[in-house]
Amino acid sequence: MADMHGKVVLITGATSGIGWVTAHQLAQLGSRLVLIARDRSRGEATLARLRDAGPGAAHTVHYADLSTIAEMQRVAHEIAAVEPRIDVLINNAGALFSSRQVTRDGLEMTFATNHMSYFVVTLALAQRLQATPGARVVNTSSDAHKRAHLHFDDLQSTNGYRGFPVYGRSKLCNILFTRELARRWADTGVTVNCLHPGFVSTRFGDHSGGLFQRLVQVAKVFAISPEKGAETILYLATSDEVAKQTGKYFYKCRAVNPTSDAQDDQAAERLWQESARLVGQALPPAN
């Protein structure tokens, strides 16, 4: 991992699990961390621990509910107003829900939190990222995408909702978003990559409810540690080896091929257009 002194790293989902391990390691490498968190008490506790890990760096935390588009936009614009540069954006927030929930925007909660937050926050910070030489976007995806297929006539999973398949579709969205963003930003100097961290023993699934929550708790006996799970995120955020690579999917610090559905460039462009339409639909018109 490269020395990160002077680098500004923005990360979502950093108050626990692989997000916390990633933030902690980056602080030790000299990065200044900017966090987006939902829970204030956990955010403040994480900030205190980061200050211990990387003393002297002005780590900060901003609070937002990343399931609603207005909040995604607000917090990104708030950060852009005070951060003239962003060297690395790590989109890591995510969740799984055993029963279908709907956000204030009328979006299915998994789709909104796991995909739309990546889309909205990244695009709202485009100017800061593109103004920073060698900036990187790192999106946490998952091999859960391997059995997933997008149904553009039902992106909000209104028919036959099942928690894990819906989660898998959101992770497929992460890969398609990565490919399309890399294509659109090919001449900007910003690299965009995504990854599968492995099956990690974290808080993931602890509050999803139902049978899935019980199955996850049993399966975690065989899970890898958050430290192992964070390795590929850290690699993509810091390594000189990937400084020029973009639009790829990584596992165990190596580029690997995702499924054919995840390499469908027409689907990637269509998802982008649909996501942009949903943003415009959710936000009031500008004055």
C-alpha atoms as a PDB file:
ATOM      1  CA  MET A   1       0.000   0.000   0.000  1.00  0.00           C
ATOM      2  CA  ALA A   2       1.251   3.448  -0.942  1.00  0.00           C
ATOM      3  CA  ASP A   3       1.863   6.266   1.483  1.00  0.00           C
ATOM      4  CA  MET A   4      -1.353   8.273   1.704  1.00  0.00           C
ATOM      5  CA  HIS A   5      -0.198  11.437   3.475  1.00  0.00           C
ATOM      6  CA  GLY A   6      -1.955  14.437   1.966  1.00  0.00           C
ATOM      7  CA  LYS A   7      -4.718  12.300   0.449  1.00  0.00           C
ATOM      8  CA  VAL A   8      -8.389  12.901   1.203  1.00  0.00           C
ATOM      9  CA  VAL A   9     -10.528   9.757   1.271  1.00  0.00           C
ATOM     10  CA  LEU A  10     -14.322   9.888   1.450  1.00  0.00           C
ATOM     11  CA  ILE A  11     -15.982   6.658   2.567  1.00  0.00           C
ATOM     12  CA  THR A  12     -19.549   5.587   3.252  1.00  0.00           C
ATOM     13  CA  GLY A  13     -20.424   2.724   5.595  1.00  0.00           C
ATOM     14  CA  ALA A  14     -17.288   3.202   7.704  1.00  0.00           C
ATOM     15  CA  THR A  15     -18.672   2.861  11.217  1.00  0.00           C
ATOM     16  CA  SER A  16     -18.350  -0.931  11.288  1.00  0.00           C
ATOM     17  CA  GLY A  17     -17.109  -3.998   9.423  1.00  0.00           C
ATOM     18  CA  ILE A  18     -14.867  -3.708   6.395  1.00  0.00           C
ATOM     19  CA  GLY A  19     -15.656  -0.003   6.116  1.00  0.00           C
ATOM     20  CA  TRP A  20     -14.225   0.651   9.570  1.00  0.00           C
ATOM     21  CA  VAL A  21     -11.145  -1.502   8.930  1.00  0.00           C
ATOM     22  CA  THR A  22     -10.570   0.321   5.635  1.00  0.00           C
ATOM     23  CA  ALA A  23     -10.907   3.751   7.241  1.00  0.00           C
ATOM     24  CA  HIS A  24      -8.639   2.777  10.144  1.00  0.00           C
ATOM     25  CA  GLN A  25      -5.909   1.453   7.827  1.00  0.00           C
ATOM     26  CA  LEU A  26      -6.108   4.517   5.599  1.00  0.00           C
ATOM     27  CA  ALA A  27      -5.789   6.791   8.623  1.00  0.00           C
ATOM     28  CA  GLN A  28      -2.683   4.882   9.683  1.00  0.00           C
ATOM     29  CA  LEU A  29      -1.282   5.365   6.166  1.00  0.00           C
ATOM     30  CA  GLY A  30      -1.700   9.121   6.552  1.00  0.00           C
ATOM     31  CA  SER A  31      -5.028   9.787   4.806  1.00  0.00           C
ATOM     32  CA  ARG A  32      -7.469  12.365   6.028  1.00  0.00           C
ATOM     33  CA  LEU A  33     -10.840  10.621   6.262  1.00  0.00           C
ATOM     34  CA  VAL A  34     -14.210  12.145   5.437  1.00  0.00           C
ATOM     35  CA  LEU A  35     -17.058   9.884   6.523  1.00  0.00           C
ATOM     36  CA  ILE A  36     -20.738   9.747   5.676  1.00  0.00           C
ATOM     37  CA  ALA A  37     -22.673   8.064   8.486  1.00  0.00           C
ATOM     38  CA  ARG A  38     -26.282   7.745   9.514  1.00  0.00           C
ATOM     39  CA  ASP A  39     -26.067   7.151  13.269  1.00  0.00           C
ATOM     40  CA  ARG A  40     -24.584  10.099  15.166  1.00  0.00           C
ATOM     41  CA  SER A  41     -23.366   8.173  18.205  1.00  0.00           C
ATOM     42  CA  ARG A  42     -21.573   5.577  16.091  1.00  0.00           C
ATOM     43  CA  GLY A  43     -20.239   8.297  13.810  1.00  0.00           C
ATOM     44  CA  GLU A  44     -18.708  10.222  16.697  1.00  0.00           C
ATOM     45  CA  ALA A  45     -17.225   7.041  18.182  1.00  0.00           C
ATOM     46  CA  THR A  46     -15.673   6.146  14.816  1.00  0.00           C
ATOM     47  CA  LEU A  47     -14.275   9.645  14.440  1.00  0.00           C
ATOM     48  CA  ALA A  48     -12.622   9.438  17.864  1.00  0.00           C
ATOM     49  CA  ARG A  49     -11.003   6.116  16.966  1.00  0.00           C
ATOM     50  CA  LEU A  50      -9.738   7.521  13.666  1.00  0.00           C
ATOM     51  CA  ARG A  51      -8.161  10.445  15.462  1.00  0.00           C
ATOM     52  CA  ASP A  52      -6.280   7.963  17.611  1.00  0.00           C
ATOM     53  CA  ALA A  53      -5.169   6.019  14.514  1.00  0.00           C
ATOM     54  CA  GLY A  54      -4.167   9.076  12.511  1.00  0.00           C
ATOM     55  CA  PRO A  55      -3.438  11.905  14.920  1.00  0.00           C
ATOM     56  CA  GLY A  56      -2.986  15.322  13.406  1.00  0.00           C
ATOM     57  CA  ALA A  57      -5.334  14.713  10.478  1.00  0.00           C
ATOM     58  CA  ALA A  58      -8.582  16.672  10.531  1.00  0.00           C
ATOM     59  CA  HIS A  59     -10.886  13.704  10.024  1.00  0.00           C
ATOM     60  CA  THR A  60     -14.550  14.671   9.693  1.00  0.00           C
ATOM     61  CA  VAL A  61     -17.960  13.027   9.579  1.00  0.00           C
ATOM     62  CA  HIS A  62     -21.136  14.137   7.834  1.00  0.00           C
ATOM     63  CA  TYR A  63     -24.564  12.685   8.602  1.00  0.00           C
ATOM     64  CA  ALA A  64     -27.189  11.593   6.105  1.00  0.00           C
ATOM     65  CA  ASP A  65     -29.804   8.945   5.410  1.00  0.00           C
ATOM     66  CA  LEU A  66     -28.431   7.406   2.218  1.00  0.00           C
ATOM     67  CA  SER A  67     -31.754   5.799   1.350  1.00  0.00           C
ATOM     68  CA  THR A  68     -33.295   9.103   0.214  1.00  0.00           C
ATOM     69  CA  ILE A  69     -32.175  11.020  -2.849  1.00  0.00           C
ATOM     70  CA  ALA A  70     -32.519  14.477  -1.314  1.00  0.00           C
ATOM     71  CA  GLU A  71     -30.263  13.416   1.562  1.00  0.00           C
ATOM     72  CA  MET A  72     -27.735  11.891  -0.834  1.00  0.00           C
ATOM     73  CA  GLN A  73     -27.627  15.163  -2.745  1.00  0.00           C
ATOM     74  CA  ARG A  74     -27.512  17.322   0.373  1.00  0.00           C
ATOM     75  CA  VAL A  75     -24.596  15.547   2.005  1.00  0.00           C
ATOM     76  CA  ALA A  76     -22.586  15.374  -1.225  1.00  0.00           C
ATOM     77  CA  HIS A  77     -23.037  19.090  -1.852  1.00  0.00           C
ATOM     78  CA  GLU A  78     -22.187  19.796   1.788  1.00  0.00           C
ATOM     79  CA  ILE A  79     -18.923  17.894   1.381  1.00  0.00           C
ATOM     80  CA  ALA A  80     -18.127  19.506  -1.978  1.00  0.00           C
ATOM     81  CA  ALA A  81     -18.508  22.924  -0.366  1.00  0.00           C
ATOM     82  CA  VAL A  82     -15.742  22.254   2.180  1.00  0.00           C
ATOM     83  CA  GLU A  83     -13.457  19.773   0.386  1.00  0.00           C
ATOM     84  CA  PRO A  84     -11.577  21.215  -2.594  1.00  0.00           C
ATOM     85  CA  ARG A  85     -10.174  17.773  -3.495  1.00  0.00           C
ATOM     86  CA  ILE A  86     -11.182  14.134  -3.095  1.00  0.00           C
ATOM     87  CA  ASP A  87      -8.469  11.609  -3.905  1.00  0.00           C
ATOM     88  CA  VAL A  88     -10.524   8.482  -3.264  1.00  0.00           C
ATOM     89  CA  LEU A  89     -14.279   7.946  -2.977  1.00  0.00           C
ATOM     90  CA  ILE A  90     -15.176   4.568  -1.477  1.00  0.00           C
ATOM     91  CA  ASN A  91     -18.863   3.703  -1.867  1.00  0.00           C
ATOM     92  CA  ASN A  92     -19.314   0.995   0.750  1.00  0.00           C
ATOM     93  CA  ALA A  93     -22.688   1.566   2.432  1.00  0.00           C
ATOM     94  CA  GLY A  94     -25.119  -1.295   1.944  1.00  0.00           C
ATOM     95  CA  ALA A  95     -27.881  -3.311   3.520  1.00  0.00           C
ATOM     96  CA  LEU A  96     -30.216  -6.269   3.004  1.00  0.00           C
ATOM     97  CA  PHE A  97     -33.868  -6.412   4.043  1.00  0.00           C
ATOM     98  CA  SER A  98     -35.877  -9.600   4.439  1.00  0.00           C
ATOM     99  CA  SER A  99     -39.161  -7.820   3.708  1.00  0.00           C
ATOM    100  CA  ARG A 100     -39.852  -5.143   1.122  1.00  0.00           C
ATOM    101  CA  GLN A 101     -39.569  -1.574   2.366  1.00  0.00           C
ATOM    102  CA  VAL A 102     -40.132   1.638   0.440  1.00  0.00           C
ATOM    103  CA  THR A 103     -38.272   4.933   0.837  1.00  0.00           C
ATOM    104  CA  ARG A 104     -39.788   8.416   0.862  1.00  0.00           C
ATOM    105  CA  ASP A 105     -38.979   8.575  -2.851  1.00  0.00           C
ATOM    106  CA  GLY A 106     -41.054   5.460  -3.514  1.00  0.00           C
ATOM    107  CA  LEU A 107     -37.979   3.329  -4.196  1.00  0.00           C
ATOM    108  CA  GLU A 108     -37.361  -0.152  -2.850  1.00  0.00           C
ATOM    109  CA  MET A 109     -34.972   0.246   0.091  1.00  0.00           C
ATOM    110  CA  THR A 110     -32.220  -2.131  -1.076  1.00  0.00           C
ATOM    111  CA  PHE A 111     -32.073  -0.574  -4.542  1.00  0.00           C
ATOM    112  CA  ALA A 112     -32.049   2.932  -3.067  1.00  0.00           C
ATOM    113  CA  THR A 113     -29.376   2.310  -0.431  1.00  0.00           C
ATOM    114  CA  ASN A 114     -27.088  -0.058  -2.319  1.00  0.00           C
ATOM    115  CA  HIS A 115     -27.251   1.409  -5.824  1.00  0.00           C
ATOM    116  CA  MET A 116     -28.780   4.874  -5.909  1.00  0.00           C
ATOM    117  CA  SER A 117     -26.540   6.181  -3.115  1.00  0.00           C
ATOM    118  CA  TYR A 118     -23.473   5.182  -5.160  1.00  0.00           C
ATOM    119  CA  PHE A 119     -24.921   6.835  -8.257  1.00  0.00           C
ATOM    120  CA  VAL A 120     -26.088  10.083  -6.679  1.00  0.00           C
ATOM    121  CA  VAL A 121     -23.179  10.743  -4.309  1.00  0.00           C
ATOM    122  CA  THR A 122     -20.556   9.993  -6.958  1.00  0.00           C
ATOM    123  CA  LEU A 123     -22.106  12.237  -9.602  1.00  0.00           C
ATOM    124  CA  ALA A 124     -22.671  15.049  -7.109  1.00  0.00           C
ATOM    125  CA  LEU A 125     -18.936  14.930  -6.319  1.00  0.00           C
ATOM    126  CA  ALA A 126     -17.836  14.652  -9.951  1.00  0.00           C
ATOM    127  CA  GLN A 127     -16.289  18.119 -10.079  1.00  0.00           C
ATOM    128  CA  ARG A 128     -14.152  17.513  -6.973  1.00  0.00           C
ATOM    129  CA  LEU A 129     -13.016  14.081  -8.157  1.00  0.00           C
ATOM    130  CA  GLN A 130     -12.181  15.247 -11.664  1.00  0.00           C
ATOM    131  CA  ALA A 131     -10.230  18.216 -10.299  1.00  0.00           C
ATOM    132  CA  THR A 132      -8.000  15.894  -8.237  1.00  0.00           C
ATOM    133  CA  PRO A 133      -5.105  14.325 -10.174  1.00  0.00           C
ATOM    134  CA  GLY A 134      -5.205  10.521 -10.026  1.00  0.00           C
ATOM    135  CA  ALA A 135      -8.552  10.357  -8.204  1.00  0.00           C
ATOM    136  CA  ARG A 136     -10.196   6.965  -7.740  1.00  0.00           C
ATOM    137  CA  VAL A 137     -13.728   5.671  -7.182  1.00  0.00           C
ATOM    138  CA  VAL A 138     -13.994   2.282  -5.451  1.00  0.00           C
ATOM    139  CA  ASN A 139     -17.400   0.563  -5.304  1.00  0.00           C
ATOM    140  CA  THR A 140     -18.037  -2.371  -2.980  1.00  0.00           C
ATOM    141  CA  SER A 141     -20.029  -4.982  -4.886  1.00  0.00           C
ATOM    142  CA  SER A 142     -20.342  -8.732  -4.234  1.00  0.00           C
ATOM    143  CA  ASP A 143     -20.334 -12.158  -5.830  1.00  0.00           C
ATOM    144  CA  ALA A 144     -24.001 -12.160  -4.810  1.00  0.00           C
ATOM    145  CA  HIS A 145     -24.483 -10.676  -8.293  1.00  0.00           C
ATOM    146  CA  LYS A 146     -23.760 -14.064  -9.877  1.00  0.00           C
ATOM    147  CA  ARG A 147     -27.342 -15.332  -9.842  1.00  0.00           C
ATOM    148  CA  ALA A 148     -28.870 -11.933 -10.489  1.00  0.00           C
ATOM    149  CA  HIS A 149     -30.629 -10.596 -13.566  1.00  0.00           C
ATOM    150  CA  LEU A 150     -32.018  -7.084 -13.873  1.00  0.00           C
ATOM    151  CA  HIS A 151     -35.657  -6.681 -14.804  1.00  0.00           C
ATOM    152  CA  PHE A 152     -36.038  -3.115 -15.998  1.00  0.00           C
ATOM    153  CA  ASP A 153     -39.812  -3.390 -15.841  1.00  0.00           C
ATOM    154  CA  ASP A 154     -39.531  -4.082 -12.087  1.00  0.00           C
ATOM    155  CA  LEU A 155     -36.375  -2.462 -10.700  1.00  0.00           C
ATOM    156  CA  GLN A 156     -38.274  -1.772  -7.476  1.00  0.00           C
ATOM    157  CA  SER A 157     -38.992  -5.475  -6.871  1.00  0.00           C
ATOM    158  CA  THR A 158     -42.734  -5.170  -6.516  1.00  0.00           C
ATOM    159  CA  ASN A 159     -43.294  -8.759  -7.640  1.00  0.00           C
ATOM    160  CA  GLY A 160     -42.330 -11.715  -5.456  1.00  0.00           C
ATOM    161  CA  TYR A 161     -39.902  -9.895  -3.175  1.00  0.00           C
ATOM    162  CA  ARG A 162     -37.135 -12.032  -1.664  1.00  0.00           C
ATOM    163  CA  GLY A 163     -34.362 -10.375   0.289  1.00  0.00           C
ATOM    164  CA  PHE A 164     -31.221 -12.078  -0.980  1.00  0.00           C
ATOM    165  CA  PRO A 165     -32.088 -12.091  -4.708  1.00  0.00           C
ATOM    166  CA  VAL A 166     -32.956  -8.385  -4.439  1.00  0.00           C
ATOM    167  CA  TYR A 167     -29.626  -7.789  -2.696  1.00  0.00           C
ATOM    168  CA  GLY A 168     -27.884  -9.673  -5.512  1.00  0.00           C
ATOM    169  CA  ARG A 169     -29.530  -7.430  -8.102  1.00  0.00           C
ATOM    170  CA  SER A 170     -28.312  -4.349  -6.246  1.00  0.00           C
ATOM    171  CA  LYS A 171     -24.763  -5.738  -6.369  1.00  0.00           C
ATOM    172  CA  LEU A 172     -25.178  -6.344 -10.101  1.00  0.00           C
ATOM    173  CA  CYS A 173     -26.167  -2.679 -10.346  1.00  0.00           C
ATOM    174  CA  ASN A 174     -22.894  -1.735  -8.611  1.00  0.00           C
ATOM    175  CA  ILE A 175     -20.865  -3.491 -11.312  1.00  0.00           C
ATOM    176  CA  LEU A 176     -22.909  -2.065 -14.178  1.00  0.00           C
ATOM    177  CA  PHE A 177     -22.623   1.422 -12.677  1.00  0.00           C
ATOM    178  CA  THR A 178     -18.852   0.963 -12.374  1.00  0.00           C
ATOM    179  CA  ARG A 179     -18.560  -0.021 -16.051  1.00  0.00           C
ATOM    180  CA  GLU A 180     -20.704   2.834 -17.310  1.00  0.00           C
ATOM    181  CA  LEU A 181     -19.056   5.452 -15.086  1.00  0.00           C
ATOM    182  CA  ALA A 182     -15.614   4.279 -16.203  1.00  0.00           C
ATOM    183  CA  ARG A 183     -16.719   4.606 -19.826  1.00  0.00           C
ATOM    184  CA  ARG A 184     -18.175   8.080 -19.335  1.00  0.00           C
ATOM    185  CA  TRP A 185     -15.173   9.302 -17.330  1.00  0.00           C
ATOM    186  CA  ALA A 186     -12.529   7.665 -19.512  1.00  0.00           C
ATOM    187  CA  ASP A 187     -10.890  11.002 -20.395  1.00  0.00           C
ATOM    188  CA  THR A 188     -11.111  12.627 -16.958  1.00  0.00           C
ATOM    189  CA  GLY A 189      -8.180  10.910 -15.227  1.00  0.00           C
ATOM    190  CA  VAL A 190     -10.495   9.354 -12.601  1.00  0.00           C
ATOM    191  CA  THR A 191     -10.380   5.555 -12.356  1.00  0.00           C
ATOM    192  CA  VAL A 192     -13.458   3.570 -11.321  1.00  0.00           C
ATOM    193  CA  ASN A 193     -13.334  -0.027 -10.079  1.00  0.00           C
ATOM    194  CA  CYS A 194     -15.448  -2.376  -7.980  1.00  0.00           C
ATOM    195  CA  LEU A 195     -14.820  -5.486  -5.929  1.00  0.00           C
ATOM    196  CA  HIS A 196     -16.077  -8.539  -4.106  1.00  0.00           C
ATOM    197  CA  PRO A 197     -14.664  -8.462  -0.543  1.00  0.00           C
ATOM    198  CA  GLY A 198     -15.517 -12.092   0.208  1.00  0.00           C
ATOM    199  CA  PHE A 199     -18.016 -13.363   2.765  1.00  0.00           C
ATOM    200  CA  VAL A 200     -17.027 -11.306   5.782  1.00  0.00           C
ATOM    201  CA  SER A 201     -18.006 -11.584   9.428  1.00  0.00           C
ATOM    202  CA  THR A 202     -19.530  -8.137  10.006  1.00  0.00           C
ATOM    203  CA  ARG A 203     -22.831  -6.612  11.157  1.00  0.00           C
ATOM    204  CA  PHE A 204     -24.221  -7.342   7.677  1.00  0.00           C
ATOM    205  CA  GLY A 205     -27.581  -9.090   7.895  1.00  0.00           C
ATOM    206  CA  ASP A 206     -27.827  -8.763  11.678  1.00  0.00           C
ATOM    207  CA  HIS A 207     -31.010  -6.712  11.412  1.00  0.00           C
ATOM    208  CA  SER A 208     -32.461  -8.009   8.156  1.00  0.00           C
ATOM    209  CA  GLY A 209     -35.034 -10.089  10.012  1.00  0.00           C
ATOM    210  CA  GLY A 210     -36.613 -13.429   9.230  1.00  0.00           C
ATOM    211  CA  LEU A 211     -34.970 -16.675   8.219  1.00  0.00           C
ATOM    212  CA  PHE A 212     -32.154 -14.933   6.341  1.00  0.00           C
ATOM    213  CA  GLN A 213     -30.905 -13.251   9.524  1.00  0.00           C
ATOM    214  CA  ARG A 214     -30.710 -16.625  11.282  1.00  0.00           C
ATOM    215  CA  LEU A 215     -28.942 -18.250   8.324  1.00  0.00           C
ATOM    216  CA  VAL A 216     -26.392 -15.436   8.142  1.00  0.00           C
ATOM    217  CA  GLN A 217     -25.616 -15.755  11.831  1.00  0.00           C
ATOM    218  CA  VAL A 218     -24.871 -19.468  11.372  1.00  0.00           C
ATOM    219  CA  ALA A 219     -22.854 -18.914   8.186  1.00  0.00           C
ATOM    220  CA  LYS A 220     -20.627 -16.316   9.851  1.00  0.00           C
ATOM    221  CA  VAL A 221     -18.863 -19.155  11.643  1.00  0.00           C
ATOM    222  CA  PHE A 222     -17.133 -19.764   8.290  1.00  0.00           C
ATOM    223  CA  ALA A 223     -16.685 -16.119   7.265  1.00  0.00           C
ATOM    224  CA  ILE A 224     -13.388 -14.306   6.842  1.00  0.00           C
ATOM    225  CA  SER A 225     -12.353 -11.465   9.135  1.00  0.00           C
ATOM    226  CA  PRO A 226     -13.125  -7.818   8.315  1.00  0.00           C
ATOM    227  CA  GLU A 227      -9.355  -7.309   8.011  1.00  0.00           C
ATOM    228  CA  LYS A 228      -9.195  -9.859   5.185  1.00  0.00           C
ATOM    229  CA  GLY A 229     -12.361  -8.475   3.627  1.00  0.00           C
ATOM    230  CA  ALA A 230     -10.919  -4.960   3.519  1.00  0.00           C
ATOM    231  CA  GLU A 231      -7.747  -5.970   1.668  1.00  0.00           C
ATOM    232  CA  THR A 232      -9.087  -5.503  -1.858  1.00  0.00           C
ATOM    233  CA  ILE A 233     -10.710  -2.153  -1.031  1.00  0.00           C
ATOM    234  CA  LEU A 234      -7.391  -0.934   0.356  1.00  0.00           C
ATOM    235  CA  TYR A 235      -5.575  -2.283  -2.692  1.00  0.00           C
ATOM    236  CA  LEU A 236      -7.843  -0.405  -5.088  1.00  0.00           C
ATOM    237  CA  ALA A 237      -7.658   2.769  -2.986  1.00  0.00           C
ATOM    238  CA  THR A 238      -3.874   2.873  -2.606  1.00  0.00           C
ATOM    239  CA  SER A 239      -1.880   0.610  -4.902  1.00  0.00           C
ATOM    240  CA  ASP A 240       0.169   2.019  -7.758  1.00  0.00           C
ATOM    241  CA  GLU A 241      -0.517  -1.236  -9.625  1.00  0.00           C
ATOM    242  CA  VAL A 242      -4.090  -0.151 -10.372  1.00  0.00           C
ATOM    243  CA  ALA A 243      -3.449   3.566 -10.874  1.00  0.00           C
ATOM    244  CA  LYS A 244      -4.347   3.280 -14.582  1.00  0.00           C
ATOM    245  CA  GLN A 245      -6.897   0.446 -14.463  1.00  0.00           C
ATOM    246  CA  THR A 246     -10.563   1.314 -14.699  1.00  0.00           C
ATOM    247  CA  GLY A 247     -13.959  -0.312 -15.193  1.00  0.00           C
ATOM    248  CA  LYS A 248     -12.918  -3.631 -13.659  1.00  0.00           C
ATOM    249  CA  TYR A 249     -14.181  -6.055 -11.015  1.00  0.00           C
ATOM    250  CA  PHE A 250     -11.682  -7.336  -8.448  1.00  0.00           C
ATOM    251  CA  TYR A 251     -11.492 -10.214  -5.987  1.00  0.00           C
ATOM    252  CA  LYS A 252      -8.500 -10.933  -3.748  1.00  0.00           C
ATOM    253  CA  CYS A 253      -6.658  -7.982  -5.307  1.00  0.00           C
ATOM    254  CA  ARG A 254      -6.954  -9.382  -8.830  1.00  0.00           C
ATOM    255  CA  ALA A 255      -9.160  -8.356 -11.726  1.00  0.00           C
ATOM    256  CA  VAL A 256     -11.651 -11.144 -12.489  1.00  0.00           C
ATOM    257  CA  ASN A 257     -14.578 -11.483 -14.847  1.00  0.00           C
ATOM    258  CA  PRO A 258     -18.058 -10.978 -13.410  1.00  0.00           C
ATOM    259  CA  THR A 259     -21.066 -12.658 -15.024  1.00  0.00           C
ATOM    260  CA  SER A 260     -22.140 -11.924 -18.589  1.00  0.00           C
ATOM    261  CA  ASP A 261     -25.066  -9.905 -17.191  1.00  0.00           C
ATOM    262  CA  ALA A 262     -22.538  -7.731 -15.353  1.00  0.00           C
ATOM    263  CA  GLN A 263     -20.614  -7.134 -18.604  1.00  0.00           C
ATOM    264  CA  ASP A 264     -23.681  -6.056 -20.589  1.00  0.00           C
ATOM    265  CA  ASP A 265     -22.860  -2.503 -21.690  1.00  0.00           C
ATOM    266  CA  GLN A 266     -26.361  -1.895 -23.035  1.00  0.00           C
ATOM    267  CA  ALA A 267     -27.800  -2.799 -19.634  1.00  0.00           C
ATOM    268  CA  ALA A 268     -25.216  -0.549 -17.961  1.00  0.00           C
ATOM    269  CA  GLU A 269     -26.273   2.418 -20.074  1.00  0.00           C
ATOM    270  CA  ARG A 270     -29.953   1.677 -19.547  1.00  0.00           C
ATOM    271  CA  LEU A 271     -29.458   1.456 -15.774  1.00  0.00           C
ATOM    272  CA  TRP A 272     -27.688   4.814 -15.887  1.00  0.00           C
ATOM    273  CA  GLN A 273     -30.546   6.429 -17.790  1.00  0.00           C
ATOM    274  CA  GLU A 274     -33.149   4.937 -15.474  1.00  0.00           C
ATOM    275  CA  SER A 275     -31.214   6.030 -12.380  1.00  0.00           C
ATOM    276  CA  ALA A 276     -30.915   9.566 -13.738  1.00  0.00           C
ATOM    277  CA  ARG A 277     -34.665   9.594 -14.419  1.00  0.00           C
ATOM    278  CA  LEU A 278     -35.387   8.515 -10.837  1.00  0.00           C
ATOM    279  CA  VAL A 279     -33.167  11.294  -9.474  1.00  0.00           C
ATOM    280  CA  GLY A 280     -34.988  13.879 -11.537  1.00  0.00           C
ATOM    281  CA  GLN A 281     -38.331  12.469 -10.515  1.00  0.00           C
ATOM    282  CA  ALA A 282     -37.501  12.553  -6.802  1.00  0.00           C
ATOM    283  CA  LEU A 283     -36.086  16.072  -6.623  1.00  0.00           C
ATOM    284  CA  PRO A 284     -38.117  19.272  -6.926  1.00  0.00           C
ATOM    285  CA  PRO A 285     -37.404  21.418  -9.978  1.00  0.00           C
ATOM    286  CA  ALA A 286     -34.722  24.061  -9.571  1.00  0.00           C
ATOM    287  CA  ASN A 287     -35.946  27.617  -9.036  1.00  0.00           C
END
